[in-house]
């Protein structure tokens, strides 16, 4: 797989509450190292069936590290190694782990992907696993819940996705919902970013 930087796209922003995070720089994991490729080839024994080739997906953003920490006003959160706050989705499931955010939803809420297992800080190893998405990529789970970023967050440390559509919540280091700083009302998500072959049409904010 090829790593690509996180693309942060403009759009209508969810309303912020008095719990909006401060602009202070978030803590970052030190010396986060790339994870091993879980799809590494191995030589089959004579007579054994060949190992299926791993699914190749170009230009996906892979996450090398996860950090569980406590921040002012919000409390317990999980960020990636760049400091972006992560979320879980009520329409997914944990038993079994299942991701339902695909298509335009995944363009607004990019799944946290890995090719092995991220380095962890402040999160118990047994709480972190992966689930295979429909496109064959591996999405990180915490407490069996698939986790995501939000393109409405414009810089690390923000949590503008908290309470969006009444189904998206900041995730804690154990995989539970952080119910602090819930917004007034039910904010909508920002609109999906445009794509090159997208025709003119409705660009309103989606309900997920």
C-alpha atoms as a PDB file:
ATOM      1  CA  UNK A   1       0.000   0.000   0.000  1.00  0.00           C
ATOM      2  CA  UNK A   2       1.080   3.580  -0.557  1.00  0.00           C
ATOM      3  CA  UNK A   3       0.705   6.168   2.153  1.00  0.00           C
ATOM      4  CA  UNK A   4      -0.849   9.500   1.319  1.00  0.00           C
ATOM      5  CA  UNK A   5      -1.414  12.535   3.506  1.00  0.00           C
ATOM      6  CA  UNK A   6      -4.774  13.229   5.060  1.00  0.00           C
ATOM      7  CA  UNK A   7      -6.789  15.540   2.819  1.00  0.00           C
ATOM      8  CA  UNK A   8      -8.696  18.166   4.744  1.00  0.00           C
ATOM      9  CA  UNK A   9     -11.463  19.657   2.631  1.00  0.00           C
ATOM     10  CA  UNK A  10     -13.519  22.774   3.310  1.00  0.00           C
ATOM     11  CA  UNK A  11     -17.274  22.814   3.643  1.00  0.00           C
ATOM     12  CA  UNK A  12     -20.137  23.776   5.900  1.00  0.00           C
ATOM     13  CA  UNK A  13     -19.057  23.311   9.506  1.00  0.00           C
ATOM     14  CA  UNK A  14     -21.033  21.748  12.324  1.00  0.00           C
ATOM     15  CA  UNK A  15     -21.940  24.246  15.041  1.00  0.00           C
ATOM     16  CA  UNK A  16     -19.420  24.515  17.828  1.00  0.00           C
ATOM     17  CA  UNK A  17     -20.390  24.664  21.465  1.00  0.00           C
ATOM     18  CA  UNK A  18     -18.714  26.297  24.432  1.00  0.00           C
ATOM     19  CA  UNK A  19     -16.783  23.051  24.702  1.00  0.00           C
ATOM     20  CA  UNK A  20     -14.758  23.889  21.587  1.00  0.00           C
ATOM     21  CA  UNK A  21     -11.157  22.765  22.102  1.00  0.00           C
ATOM     22  CA  UNK A  22      -8.396  25.252  22.650  1.00  0.00           C
ATOM     23  CA  UNK A  23      -5.962  25.925  19.785  1.00  0.00           C
ATOM     24  CA  UNK A  24      -3.053  24.502  21.729  1.00  0.00           C
ATOM     25  CA  UNK A  25      -0.924  22.037  19.817  1.00  0.00           C
ATOM     26  CA  UNK A  26      -1.923  18.421  20.592  1.00  0.00           C
ATOM     27  CA  UNK A  27       0.525  15.941  22.002  1.00  0.00           C
ATOM     28  CA  UNK A  28       2.150  13.726  19.434  1.00  0.00           C
ATOM     29  CA  UNK A  29       3.556  10.256  19.779  1.00  0.00           C
ATOM     30  CA  UNK A  30       7.344  10.237  19.755  1.00  0.00           C
ATOM     31  CA  UNK A  31       9.208   8.143  17.240  1.00  0.00           C
ATOM     32  CA  UNK A  32       6.144   6.379  15.876  1.00  0.00           C
ATOM     33  CA  UNK A  33       7.428   3.640  13.598  1.00  0.00           C
ATOM     34  CA  UNK A  34       5.676   2.158  10.561  1.00  0.00           C
ATOM     35  CA  UNK A  35       3.778  -1.034  11.228  1.00  0.00           C
ATOM     36  CA  UNK A  36       4.654  -4.262   9.492  1.00  0.00           C
ATOM     37  CA  UNK A  37       2.778  -5.292   6.378  1.00  0.00           C
ATOM     38  CA  UNK A  38       0.221  -7.872   7.463  1.00  0.00           C
ATOM     39  CA  UNK A  39       0.059  -9.150   3.891  1.00  0.00           C
ATOM     40  CA  UNK A  40       3.734 -10.160   3.714  1.00  0.00           C
ATOM     41  CA  UNK A  41       4.280 -13.137   1.451  1.00  0.00           C
ATOM     42  CA  UNK A  42       5.250 -16.514   2.834  1.00  0.00           C
ATOM     43  CA  UNK A  43       6.419 -19.637   1.038  1.00  0.00           C
ATOM     44  CA  UNK A  44       3.732 -22.361   1.139  1.00  0.00           C
ATOM     45  CA  UNK A  45       4.651 -25.911   2.013  1.00  0.00           C
ATOM     46  CA  UNK A  46       4.687 -28.450  -0.853  1.00  0.00           C
ATOM     47  CA  UNK A  47       1.144 -29.442  -1.768  1.00  0.00           C
ATOM     48  CA  UNK A  48      -0.411 -26.590   0.182  1.00  0.00           C
ATOM     49  CA  UNK A  49      -2.803 -24.134  -1.441  1.00  0.00           C
ATOM     50  CA  UNK A  50      -1.153 -20.832  -2.360  1.00  0.00           C
ATOM     51  CA  UNK A  51      -1.759 -17.927   0.020  1.00  0.00           C
ATOM     52  CA  UNK A  52      -4.261 -15.439  -1.469  1.00  0.00           C
ATOM     53  CA  UNK A  53      -2.698 -12.199  -2.604  1.00  0.00           C
ATOM     54  CA  UNK A  54      -3.507  -9.203  -0.380  1.00  0.00           C
ATOM     55  CA  UNK A  55      -5.932  -6.694  -1.819  1.00  0.00           C
ATOM     56  CA  UNK A  56      -4.085  -3.726  -3.349  1.00  0.00           C
ATOM     57  CA  UNK A  57      -5.725  -0.345  -2.745  1.00  0.00           C
ATOM     58  CA  UNK A  58      -3.797   2.671  -4.020  1.00  0.00           C
ATOM     59  CA  UNK A  59      -3.352   6.000  -2.246  1.00  0.00           C
ATOM     60  CA  UNK A  60      -4.899   5.079   1.082  1.00  0.00           C
ATOM     61  CA  UNK A  61      -3.918   6.873   4.248  1.00  0.00           C
ATOM     62  CA  UNK A  62      -2.479   4.413   6.763  1.00  0.00           C
ATOM     63  CA  UNK A  63      -2.291   5.196  10.471  1.00  0.00           C
ATOM     64  CA  UNK A  64       0.917   4.271  12.289  1.00  0.00           C
ATOM     65  CA  UNK A  65      -0.060   5.185  15.846  1.00  0.00           C
ATOM     66  CA  UNK A  66      -2.983   5.756  18.221  1.00  0.00           C
ATOM     67  CA  UNK A  67      -2.863   7.817  21.412  1.00  0.00           C
ATOM     68  CA  UNK A  68      -5.347   7.655  24.283  1.00  0.00           C
ATOM     69  CA  UNK A  69      -5.276  10.738  26.490  1.00  0.00           C
ATOM     70  CA  UNK A  70      -7.319  13.166  28.562  1.00  0.00           C
ATOM     71  CA  UNK A  71      -7.904  16.652  27.194  1.00  0.00           C
ATOM     72  CA  UNK A  72      -9.448  19.738  28.768  1.00  0.00           C
ATOM     73  CA  UNK A  73     -13.287  19.848  28.743  1.00  0.00           C
ATOM     74  CA  UNK A  74     -13.721  16.761  26.544  1.00  0.00           C
ATOM     75  CA  UNK A  75     -12.015  14.233  28.825  1.00  0.00           C
ATOM     76  CA  UNK A  76     -10.855  10.877  27.451  1.00  0.00           C
ATOM     77  CA  UNK A  77     -10.246  10.805  23.705  1.00  0.00           C
ATOM     78  CA  UNK A  78      -8.231   8.900  21.120  1.00  0.00           C
ATOM     79  CA  UNK A  79      -6.144  10.642  18.471  1.00  0.00           C
ATOM     80  CA  UNK A  80      -4.008   9.349  15.653  1.00  0.00           C
ATOM     81  CA  UNK A  81      -0.260   9.981  15.601  1.00  0.00           C
ATOM     82  CA  UNK A  82      -0.881  13.382  13.953  1.00  0.00           C
ATOM     83  CA  UNK A  83      -3.224  14.516  16.755  1.00  0.00           C
ATOM     84  CA  UNK A  84      -6.563  14.207  14.905  1.00  0.00           C
ATOM     85  CA  UNK A  85      -9.438  13.252  17.212  1.00  0.00           C
ATOM     86  CA  UNK A  86     -11.163   9.974  16.261  1.00  0.00           C
ATOM     87  CA  UNK A  87     -14.829   8.935  16.250  1.00  0.00           C
ATOM     88  CA  UNK A  88     -17.188   5.956  16.246  1.00  0.00           C
ATOM     89  CA  UNK A  89     -20.514   5.567  14.415  1.00  0.00           C
ATOM     90  CA  UNK A  90     -23.723   4.269  16.027  1.00  0.00           C
ATOM     91  CA  UNK A  91     -24.837   2.576  12.788  1.00  0.00           C
ATOM     92  CA  UNK A  92     -21.776   0.319  12.874  1.00  0.00           C
ATOM     93  CA  UNK A  93     -21.681  -2.687  15.184  1.00  0.00           C
ATOM     94  CA  UNK A  94     -19.158  -4.189  17.584  1.00  0.00           C
ATOM     95  CA  UNK A  95     -20.480  -7.739  18.050  1.00  0.00           C
ATOM     96  CA  UNK A  96     -19.414  -8.585  15.420  1.00  0.00           C
ATOM     97  CA  UNK A  97     -17.290  -5.664  14.258  1.00  0.00           C
ATOM     98  CA  UNK A  98     -18.904  -4.220  11.145  1.00  0.00           C
ATOM     99  CA  UNK A  99     -18.409  -0.975   9.250  1.00  0.00           C
ATOM    100  CA  UNK A 100     -21.366   0.581   7.433  1.00  0.00           C
ATOM    101  CA  UNK A 101     -19.844   3.949   6.464  1.00  0.00           C
ATOM    102  CA  UNK A 102     -18.928   3.639   2.782  1.00  0.00           C
ATOM    103  CA  UNK A 103     -19.182   5.798  -0.340  1.00  0.00           C
ATOM    104  CA  UNK A 104     -19.891   9.473   0.380  1.00  0.00           C
ATOM    105  CA  UNK A 105     -20.034   8.702   4.091  1.00  0.00           C
ATOM    106  CA  UNK A 106     -16.427   7.494   4.043  1.00  0.00           C
ATOM    107  CA  UNK A 107     -15.383  10.625   2.145  1.00  0.00           C
ATOM    108  CA  UNK A 108     -16.697  12.746   5.021  1.00  0.00           C
ATOM    109  CA  UNK A 109     -15.615  10.289   7.728  1.00  0.00           C
ATOM    110  CA  UNK A 110     -12.376   8.676   6.468  1.00  0.00           C
ATOM    111  CA  UNK A 111     -11.848   5.286   8.123  1.00  0.00           C
ATOM    112  CA  UNK A 112      -8.705   4.800  10.171  1.00  0.00           C
ATOM    113  CA  UNK A 113      -6.772   2.234   8.147  1.00  0.00           C
ATOM    114  CA  UNK A 114      -3.710   0.123   8.882  1.00  0.00           C
ATOM    115  CA  UNK A 115      -1.615  -2.551   7.200  1.00  0.00           C
ATOM    116  CA  UNK A 116      -0.734  -4.229  10.473  1.00  0.00           C
ATOM    117  CA  UNK A 117      -1.392  -2.831  13.945  1.00  0.00           C
ATOM    118  CA  UNK A 118      -0.668   0.765  14.979  1.00  0.00           C
ATOM    119  CA  UNK A 119       1.729   1.598  17.775  1.00  0.00           C
ATOM    120  CA  UNK A 120      -0.320   2.327  20.899  1.00  0.00           C
ATOM    121  CA  UNK A 121       0.091   4.855  23.688  1.00  0.00           C
ATOM    122  CA  UNK A 122      -2.488   5.076  26.463  1.00  0.00           C
ATOM    123  CA  UNK A 123      -4.647   2.328  24.926  1.00  0.00           C
ATOM    124  CA  UNK A 124      -4.669  -1.314  26.023  1.00  0.00           C
ATOM    125  CA  UNK A 125      -3.369  -3.627  23.327  1.00  0.00           C
ATOM    126  CA  UNK A 126      -6.336  -6.010  23.684  1.00  0.00           C
ATOM    127  CA  UNK A 127      -8.758  -3.178  22.876  1.00  0.00           C
ATOM    128  CA  UNK A 128      -7.364  -2.654  19.363  1.00  0.00           C
ATOM    129  CA  UNK A 129      -8.068  -4.860  16.372  1.00  0.00           C
ATOM    130  CA  UNK A 130      -9.133  -4.500  12.722  1.00  0.00           C
ATOM    131  CA  UNK A 131     -12.153  -5.220  10.549  1.00  0.00           C
ATOM    132  CA  UNK A 132     -12.044  -5.762   6.790  1.00  0.00           C
ATOM    133  CA  UNK A 133     -13.927  -3.136   4.788  1.00  0.00           C
ATOM    134  CA  UNK A 134     -15.805  -3.930   1.541  1.00  0.00           C
ATOM    135  CA  UNK A 135     -12.840  -2.636  -0.508  1.00  0.00           C
ATOM    136  CA  UNK A 136     -10.452  -5.033   1.251  1.00  0.00           C
ATOM    137  CA  UNK A 137      -8.697  -2.446   3.420  1.00  0.00           C
ATOM    138  CA  UNK A 138      -8.214  -3.029   7.148  1.00  0.00           C
ATOM    139  CA  UNK A 139      -9.990  -0.554   9.422  1.00  0.00           C
ATOM    140  CA  UNK A 140      -8.840  -0.150  13.010  1.00  0.00           C
ATOM    141  CA  UNK A 141     -11.328  -0.967  15.769  1.00  0.00           C
ATOM    142  CA  UNK A 142     -11.240   0.058  19.430  1.00  0.00           C
ATOM    143  CA  UNK A 143     -13.370  -2.037  21.741  1.00  0.00           C
ATOM    144  CA  UNK A 144     -14.530  -3.731  18.487  1.00  0.00           C
ATOM    145  CA  UNK A 145     -15.955  -0.430  17.131  1.00  0.00           C
ATOM    146  CA  UNK A 146     -14.573   0.792  13.773  1.00  0.00           C
ATOM    147  CA  UNK A 147     -13.033   4.262  14.115  1.00  0.00           C
ATOM    148  CA  UNK A 148     -12.886   7.284  11.819  1.00  0.00           C
ATOM    149  CA  UNK A 149     -11.580  10.795  11.305  1.00  0.00           C
ATOM    150  CA  UNK A 150     -13.827  13.739  10.342  1.00  0.00           C
ATOM    151  CA  UNK A 151     -13.014  16.164   7.530  1.00  0.00           C
ATOM    152  CA  UNK A 152     -14.956  18.876   9.350  1.00  0.00           C
ATOM    153  CA  UNK A 153     -12.094  19.037  11.858  1.00  0.00           C
ATOM    154  CA  UNK A 154      -9.772  21.655  10.401  1.00  0.00           C
ATOM    155  CA  UNK A 155      -6.779  21.068  12.632  1.00  0.00           C
ATOM    156  CA  UNK A 156      -5.558  18.468  15.124  1.00  0.00           C
ATOM    157  CA  UNK A 157      -7.285  18.603  18.487  1.00  0.00           C
ATOM    158  CA  UNK A 158     -10.695  19.729  17.220  1.00  0.00           C
ATOM    159  CA  UNK A 159     -13.848  17.633  17.737  1.00  0.00           C
ATOM    160  CA  UNK A 160     -16.405  19.270  15.455  1.00  0.00           C
ATOM    161  CA  UNK A 161     -17.806  15.810  14.704  1.00  0.00           C
ATOM    162  CA  UNK A 162     -19.105  15.302  18.243  1.00  0.00           C
ATOM    163  CA  UNK A 163     -22.833  14.484  18.108  1.00  0.00           C
ATOM    164  CA  UNK A 164     -23.181  14.957  14.346  1.00  0.00           C
ATOM    165  CA  UNK A 165     -26.473  13.456  13.108  1.00  0.00           C
ATOM    166  CA  UNK A 166     -26.930  12.094  16.631  1.00  0.00           C
ATOM    167  CA  UNK A 167     -24.843   9.077  15.591  1.00  0.00           C
ATOM    168  CA  UNK A 168     -21.182  10.186  15.624  1.00  0.00           C
ATOM    169  CA  UNK A 169     -19.241  10.497  18.873  1.00  0.00           C
ATOM    170  CA  UNK A 170     -15.664  10.963  20.005  1.00  0.00           C
ATOM    171  CA  UNK A 171     -14.299   7.538  20.919  1.00  0.00           C
ATOM    172  CA  UNK A 172     -12.574   6.791  24.235  1.00  0.00           C
ATOM    173  CA  UNK A 173      -9.527   4.528  24.711  1.00  0.00           C
ATOM    174  CA  UNK A 174     -11.858   1.639  25.621  1.00  0.00           C
ATOM    175  CA  UNK A 175     -14.128   2.106  22.584  1.00  0.00           C
ATOM    176  CA  UNK A 176     -17.061   3.663  24.442  1.00  0.00           C
ATOM    177  CA  UNK A 177     -18.753   6.908  23.398  1.00  0.00           C
ATOM    178  CA  UNK A 178     -17.475  10.085  24.984  1.00  0.00           C
ATOM    179  CA  UNK A 179     -20.676  11.978  25.805  1.00  0.00           C
ATOM    180  CA  UNK A 180     -19.005  15.180  26.985  1.00  0.00           C
ATOM    181  CA  UNK A 181     -19.489  18.487  25.182  1.00  0.00           C
ATOM    182  CA  UNK A 182     -22.554  17.387  23.243  1.00  0.00           C
ATOM    183  CA  UNK A 183     -23.789  20.166  20.939  1.00  0.00           C
ATOM    184  CA  UNK A 184     -27.156  21.879  21.217  1.00  0.00           C
ATOM    185  CA  UNK A 185     -29.479  20.328  18.651  1.00  0.00           C
ATOM    186  CA  UNK A 186     -28.317  17.795  16.089  1.00  0.00           C
ATOM    187  CA  UNK A 187     -25.652  19.193  13.762  1.00  0.00           C
ATOM    188  CA  UNK A 188     -25.264  17.859  10.227  1.00  0.00           C
ATOM    189  CA  UNK A 189     -22.030  16.633   8.716  1.00  0.00           C
ATOM    190  CA  UNK A 190     -20.134  18.733   6.218  1.00  0.00           C
ATOM    191  CA  UNK A 191     -20.758  17.923   2.545  1.00  0.00           C
ATOM    192  CA  UNK A 192     -18.584  15.320   0.838  1.00  0.00           C
ATOM    193  CA  UNK A 193     -15.603  16.804  -1.009  1.00  0.00           C
ATOM    194  CA  UNK A 194     -16.048  17.145  -4.785  1.00  0.00           C
ATOM    195  CA  UNK A 195     -14.530  14.592  -7.117  1.00  0.00           C
ATOM    196  CA  UNK A 196     -13.303  15.170 -10.652  1.00  0.00           C
ATOM    197  CA  UNK A 197     -16.137  13.306 -12.381  1.00  0.00           C
ATOM    198  CA  UNK A 198     -18.887  14.611 -10.096  1.00  0.00           C
ATOM    199  CA  UNK A 199     -21.698  16.304 -12.003  1.00  0.00           C
ATOM    200  CA  UNK A 200     -23.500  19.424 -10.828  1.00  0.00           C
ATOM    201  CA  UNK A 201     -26.242  18.548  -8.403  1.00  0.00           C
ATOM    202  CA  UNK A 202     -27.219  18.575  -4.774  1.00  0.00           C
ATOM    203  CA  UNK A 203     -24.259  19.493  -2.595  1.00  0.00           C
ATOM    204  CA  UNK A 204     -26.160  19.754   0.671  1.00  0.00           C
ATOM    205  CA  UNK A 205     -24.755  18.277   3.839  1.00  0.00           C
ATOM    206  CA  UNK A 206     -25.462  14.553   4.219  1.00  0.00           C
ATOM    207  CA  UNK A 207     -27.405  13.178   7.181  1.00  0.00           C
ATOM    208  CA  UNK A 208     -24.864  10.610   8.322  1.00  0.00           C
END
